[in-house]
Amino acid sequence: MVSKKLKVVNSEGFHMRPASNFAAAMGKYSSDVKIEVNNMEVNAKSVMNLIAACIKFGTEINIVCDGEDEQEALNEAVSMVESGFGEK
C-alpha cells in the first residue's frame, strides 16, 4: 500500500469533469484507489462517490492505492491533482 497527502489546487475542486476524468484514469488500474477526506474513505473509481464527497479547492486529501500496480496508480493520481486537472 502506498499513499500521499496533498491539497486540491484547482479552483472548483472535484466537480463533474475532473471527477469523471479522475475516475476513468483510476479505473484502468487493478489496484484499489481510495481518497481519504473529511473522515471518509471514497472509492476513487466512482464518479458519483467523488462528487458526493464535496472535495473543494484547498481540501487536504490522502490518496491511497493498494494492489499490483499501486505505485503507477498513485503517480498518475498525484499528477492529476497537482496539475489542477488542467484547469488551475
N, C-alpha and C. Protein backbone atom coordinates (compact mmCIF):
# COMPACT_ATOMS: atom_id res chain seq x y z
N MET A 1 0.85 -1.18 0.00
CA MET A 1 0.00 0.00 0.00
C MET A 1 0.89 1.25 0.00
N VAL A 2 0.51 2.21 -0.86
CA VAL A 2 1.22 3.48 -0.93
C VAL A 2 0.19 4.60 -0.81
N SER A 3 0.64 5.74 -0.31
CA SER A 3 -0.29 6.87 -0.17
C SER A 3 0.46 8.18 -0.22
N LYS A 4 -0.29 9.24 -0.46
CA LYS A 4 0.29 10.58 -0.45
C LYS A 4 -0.78 11.58 -0.08
N LYS A 5 -0.42 12.51 0.82
CA LYS A 5 -1.31 13.61 1.19
C LYS A 5 -0.99 14.82 0.32
N LEU A 6 -2.03 15.49 -0.12
CA LEU A 6 -1.85 16.71 -0.89
C LEU A 6 -3.11 17.54 -0.84
N LYS A 7 -3.01 18.79 -1.32
CA LYS A 7 -4.16 19.68 -1.34
C LYS A 7 -4.69 19.81 -2.76
N VAL A 8 -6.00 19.95 -2.86
CA VAL A 8 -6.65 20.16 -4.15
C VAL A 8 -6.38 21.60 -4.57
N VAL A 9 -5.79 21.78 -5.77
CA VAL A 9 -5.36 23.11 -6.19
C VAL A 9 -6.23 23.77 -7.25
N ASN A 10 -7.09 23.00 -7.92
CA ASN A 10 -7.93 23.65 -8.93
C ASN A 10 -9.10 24.35 -8.23
N SER A 11 -9.51 25.48 -8.76
CA SER A 11 -10.46 26.36 -8.07
C SER A 11 -11.83 25.75 -7.82
N GLU A 12 -12.23 24.78 -8.61
CA GLU A 12 -13.56 24.19 -8.46
C GLU A 12 -13.56 22.82 -7.77
N GLY A 13 -12.39 22.31 -7.42
CA GLY A 13 -12.32 21.01 -6.76
C GLY A 13 -12.75 19.87 -7.69
N PHE A 14 -13.28 18.81 -7.11
CA PHE A 14 -13.70 17.63 -7.87
C PHE A 14 -15.13 17.82 -8.37
N HIS A 15 -15.32 18.71 -9.33
CA HIS A 15 -16.65 18.83 -9.94
C HIS A 15 -16.75 17.78 -11.04
N MET A 16 -17.78 17.82 -11.85
CA MET A 16 -18.09 16.72 -12.77
C MET A 16 -16.95 16.35 -13.72
N ARG A 17 -16.35 17.31 -14.40
CA ARG A 17 -15.31 16.97 -15.38
C ARG A 17 -14.07 16.34 -14.73
N PRO A 18 -13.47 16.99 -13.74
CA PRO A 18 -12.30 16.33 -13.14
C PRO A 18 -12.64 15.02 -12.43
N ALA A 19 -13.81 14.94 -11.81
CA ALA A 19 -14.19 13.68 -11.15
C ALA A 19 -14.32 12.57 -12.18
N SER A 20 -14.93 12.88 -13.33
CA SER A 20 -15.08 11.88 -14.40
C SER A 20 -13.72 11.45 -14.94
N ASN A 21 -12.86 12.42 -15.21
CA ASN A 21 -11.53 12.11 -15.73
C ASN A 21 -10.70 11.32 -14.73
N PHE A 22 -10.80 11.70 -13.45
CA PHE A 22 -10.04 11.02 -12.41
C PHE A 22 -10.51 9.57 -12.26
N ALA A 23 -11.82 9.37 -12.19
CA ALA A 23 -12.37 8.02 -12.03
C ALA A 23 -12.00 7.14 -13.22
N ALA A 24 -12.08 7.71 -14.43
CA ALA A 24 -11.72 6.94 -15.64
C ALA A 24 -10.24 6.56 -15.61
N ALA A 25 -9.38 7.50 -15.22
CA ALA A 25 -7.94 7.23 -15.17
C ALA A 25 -7.63 6.15 -14.13
N MET A 26 -8.27 6.22 -12.98
CA MET A 26 -8.01 5.23 -11.93
C MET A 26 -8.61 3.87 -12.27
N GLY A 27 -9.66 3.87 -13.07
CA GLY A 27 -10.32 2.63 -13.46
C GLY A 27 -9.46 1.70 -14.30
N LYS A 28 -8.42 2.23 -14.91
CA LYS A 28 -7.56 1.37 -15.73
C LYS A 28 -6.53 0.61 -14.90
N TYR A 29 -6.48 0.87 -13.59
CA TYR A 29 -5.55 0.16 -12.71
C TYR A 29 -6.28 -0.95 -11.97
N SER A 30 -5.57 -2.05 -11.73
CA SER A 30 -6.18 -3.15 -10.98
C SER A 30 -6.18 -2.87 -9.47
N SER A 31 -5.33 -1.98 -9.02
CA SER A 31 -5.25 -1.65 -7.60
C SER A 31 -6.52 -0.94 -7.12
N ASP A 32 -6.79 -1.08 -5.83
CA ASP A 32 -7.84 -0.28 -5.20
C ASP A 32 -7.29 1.13 -5.05
N VAL A 33 -8.11 2.11 -5.38
CA VAL A 33 -7.70 3.51 -5.23
C VAL A 33 -8.77 4.21 -4.40
N LYS A 34 -8.35 4.76 -3.28
CA LYS A 34 -9.27 5.45 -2.36
C LYS A 34 -8.75 6.85 -2.10
N ILE A 35 -9.67 7.73 -1.78
CA ILE A 35 -9.31 9.06 -1.31
C ILE A 35 -9.88 9.20 0.10
N GLU A 36 -9.00 9.52 1.03
CA GLU A 36 -9.44 9.79 2.40
C GLU A 36 -9.60 11.30 2.53
N VAL A 37 -10.81 11.72 2.91
CA VAL A 37 -11.12 13.15 3.02
C VAL A 37 -12.21 13.34 4.06
N ASN A 38 -12.06 14.33 4.91
CA ASN A 38 -13.08 14.67 5.91
C ASN A 38 -13.60 13.44 6.66
N ASN A 39 -12.68 12.62 7.14
CA ASN A 39 -13.03 11.41 7.92
C ASN A 39 -13.86 10.41 7.13
N MET A 40 -13.74 10.45 5.79
CA MET A 40 -14.43 9.48 4.93
C MET A 40 -13.39 8.80 4.06
N GLU A 41 -13.74 7.63 3.55
CA GLU A 41 -12.93 6.94 2.56
C GLU A 41 -13.80 6.80 1.31
N VAL A 42 -13.29 7.34 0.20
CA VAL A 42 -14.08 7.42 -1.03
C VAL A 42 -13.43 6.54 -2.10
N ASN A 43 -14.24 5.75 -2.79
CA ASN A 43 -13.76 4.95 -3.91
C ASN A 43 -13.44 5.91 -5.07
N ALA A 44 -12.16 6.03 -5.42
CA ALA A 44 -11.74 6.99 -6.44
C ALA A 44 -12.06 6.53 -7.86
N LYS A 45 -12.61 5.33 -8.00
CA LYS A 45 -13.00 4.85 -9.32
C LYS A 45 -14.49 5.12 -9.59
N SER A 46 -15.16 5.77 -8.65
CA SER A 46 -16.58 6.07 -8.77
C SER A 46 -16.81 7.57 -8.89
N VAL A 47 -17.31 8.01 -10.05
CA VAL A 47 -17.59 9.43 -10.27
C VAL A 47 -18.57 9.94 -9.22
N MET A 48 -19.62 9.20 -8.98
CA MET A 48 -20.65 9.65 -8.04
C MET A 48 -20.11 9.78 -6.62
N ASN A 49 -19.26 8.84 -6.21
CA ASN A 49 -18.66 8.93 -4.87
C ASN A 49 -17.75 10.14 -4.76
N LEU A 50 -16.98 10.42 -5.82
CA LEU A 50 -16.09 11.58 -5.80
C LEU A 50 -16.89 12.88 -5.70
N ILE A 51 -17.95 12.99 -6.46
CA ILE A 51 -18.77 14.20 -6.42
C ILE A 51 -19.48 14.33 -5.08
N ALA A 52 -20.01 13.22 -4.58
CA ALA A 52 -20.72 13.23 -3.30
C ALA A 52 -19.82 13.62 -2.13
N ALA A 53 -18.52 13.41 -2.26
CA ALA A 53 -17.58 13.74 -1.19
C ALA A 53 -17.37 15.25 -1.05
N CYS A 54 -17.83 16.04 -2.03
CA CYS A 54 -17.72 17.51 -1.99
C CYS A 54 -16.29 17.97 -1.73
N ILE A 55 -15.37 17.47 -2.53
CA ILE A 55 -13.96 17.81 -2.38
C ILE A 55 -13.71 19.15 -3.08
N LYS A 56 -13.46 20.19 -2.31
CA LYS A 56 -13.34 21.56 -2.80
C LYS A 56 -11.89 22.02 -2.86
N PHE A 57 -11.68 23.19 -3.45
CA PHE A 57 -10.37 23.82 -3.51
C PHE A 57 -9.78 23.93 -2.11
N GLY A 58 -8.50 23.59 -1.98
CA GLY A 58 -7.79 23.71 -0.72
C GLY A 58 -7.98 22.56 0.25
N THR A 59 -8.85 21.63 -0.07
CA THR A 59 -9.09 20.48 0.80
C THR A 59 -7.88 19.56 0.80
N GLU A 60 -7.45 19.12 1.98
CA GLU A 60 -6.36 18.15 2.06
C GLU A 60 -6.95 16.76 1.90
N ILE A 61 -6.37 16.02 0.98
CA ILE A 61 -6.81 14.64 0.74
C ILE A 61 -5.62 13.70 0.89
N ASN A 62 -5.92 12.45 1.13
CA ASN A 62 -4.89 11.41 1.16
C ASN A 62 -5.29 10.36 0.13
N ILE A 63 -4.48 10.20 -0.89
CA ILE A 63 -4.74 9.20 -1.92
C ILE A 63 -4.05 7.91 -1.50
N VAL A 64 -4.80 6.82 -1.46
CA VAL A 64 -4.28 5.53 -1.01
C VAL A 64 -4.50 4.50 -2.11
N CYS A 65 -3.43 3.86 -2.53
CA CYS A 65 -3.51 2.83 -3.57
C CYS A 65 -2.96 1.53 -3.01
N ASP A 66 -3.65 0.44 -3.33
CA ASP A 66 -3.24 -0.86 -2.81
C ASP A 66 -3.47 -1.93 -3.87
N GLY A 67 -2.39 -2.56 -4.30
CA GLY A 67 -2.51 -3.62 -5.29
C GLY A 67 -1.27 -3.75 -6.15
N GLU A 68 -1.40 -4.53 -7.21
CA GLU A 68 -0.27 -4.84 -8.10
C GLU A 68 0.40 -3.62 -8.70
N ASP A 69 -0.42 -2.68 -9.18
CA ASP A 69 0.13 -1.50 -9.86
C ASP A 69 -0.09 -0.23 -9.04
N GLU A 70 0.03 -0.38 -7.72
CA GLU A 70 -0.27 0.71 -6.80
C GLU A 70 0.59 1.96 -7.03
N GLN A 71 1.88 1.78 -7.28
CA GLN A 71 2.76 2.95 -7.45
C GLN A 71 2.41 3.72 -8.72
N GLU A 72 2.11 3.00 -9.79
CA GLU A 72 1.73 3.67 -11.04
C GLU A 72 0.41 4.42 -10.87
N ALA A 73 -0.53 3.80 -10.18
CA ALA A 73 -1.82 4.45 -9.92
C ALA A 73 -1.63 5.71 -9.08
N LEU A 74 -0.82 5.61 -8.04
CA LEU A 74 -0.57 6.77 -7.18
C LEU A 74 0.12 7.89 -7.96
N ASN A 75 1.10 7.53 -8.76
CA ASN A 75 1.81 8.55 -9.55
C ASN A 75 0.85 9.32 -10.44
N GLU A 76 -0.04 8.61 -11.13
CA GLU A 76 -0.98 9.29 -12.02
C GLU A 76 -1.98 10.12 -11.23
N ALA A 77 -2.48 9.58 -10.13
CA ALA A 77 -3.45 10.30 -9.31
C ALA A 77 -2.85 11.61 -8.78
N VAL A 78 -1.65 11.53 -8.25
CA VAL A 78 -0.97 12.71 -7.71
C VAL A 78 -0.73 13.73 -8.81
N SER A 79 -0.27 13.26 -9.96
CA SER A 79 -0.03 14.15 -11.10
C SER A 79 -1.30 14.89 -11.50
N MET A 80 -2.42 14.18 -11.55
CA MET A 80 -3.68 14.81 -11.95
C MET A 80 -4.10 15.88 -10.95
N VAL A 81 -4.02 15.57 -9.66
CA VAL A 81 -4.44 16.53 -8.64
C VAL A 81 -3.48 17.73 -8.61
N GLU A 82 -2.18 17.47 -8.64
CA GLU A 82 -1.20 18.56 -8.58
C GLU A 82 -1.27 19.47 -9.79
N SER A 83 -1.69 18.95 -10.93
CA SER A 83 -1.80 19.77 -12.14
C SER A 83 -3.11 20.56 -12.16
N GLY A 84 -3.96 20.35 -11.16
CA GLY A 84 -5.24 21.03 -11.12
C GLY A 84 -6.19 20.53 -12.19
N PHE A 85 -5.99 19.30 -12.63
CA PHE A 85 -6.81 18.70 -13.68
C PHE A 85 -6.78 19.56 -14.95
N GLY A 86 -5.68 20.30 -15.12
CA GLY A 86 -5.54 21.14 -16.30
C GLY A 86 -6.38 22.41 -16.27
N GLU A 87 -6.90 22.75 -15.08
CA GLU A 87 -7.76 23.94 -15.01
C GLU A 87 -7.48 24.85 -13.83
N LYS A 88 -6.23 24.91 -13.37
CA LYS A 88 -5.87 25.80 -12.26
C LYS A 88 -6.43 27.13 -12.52
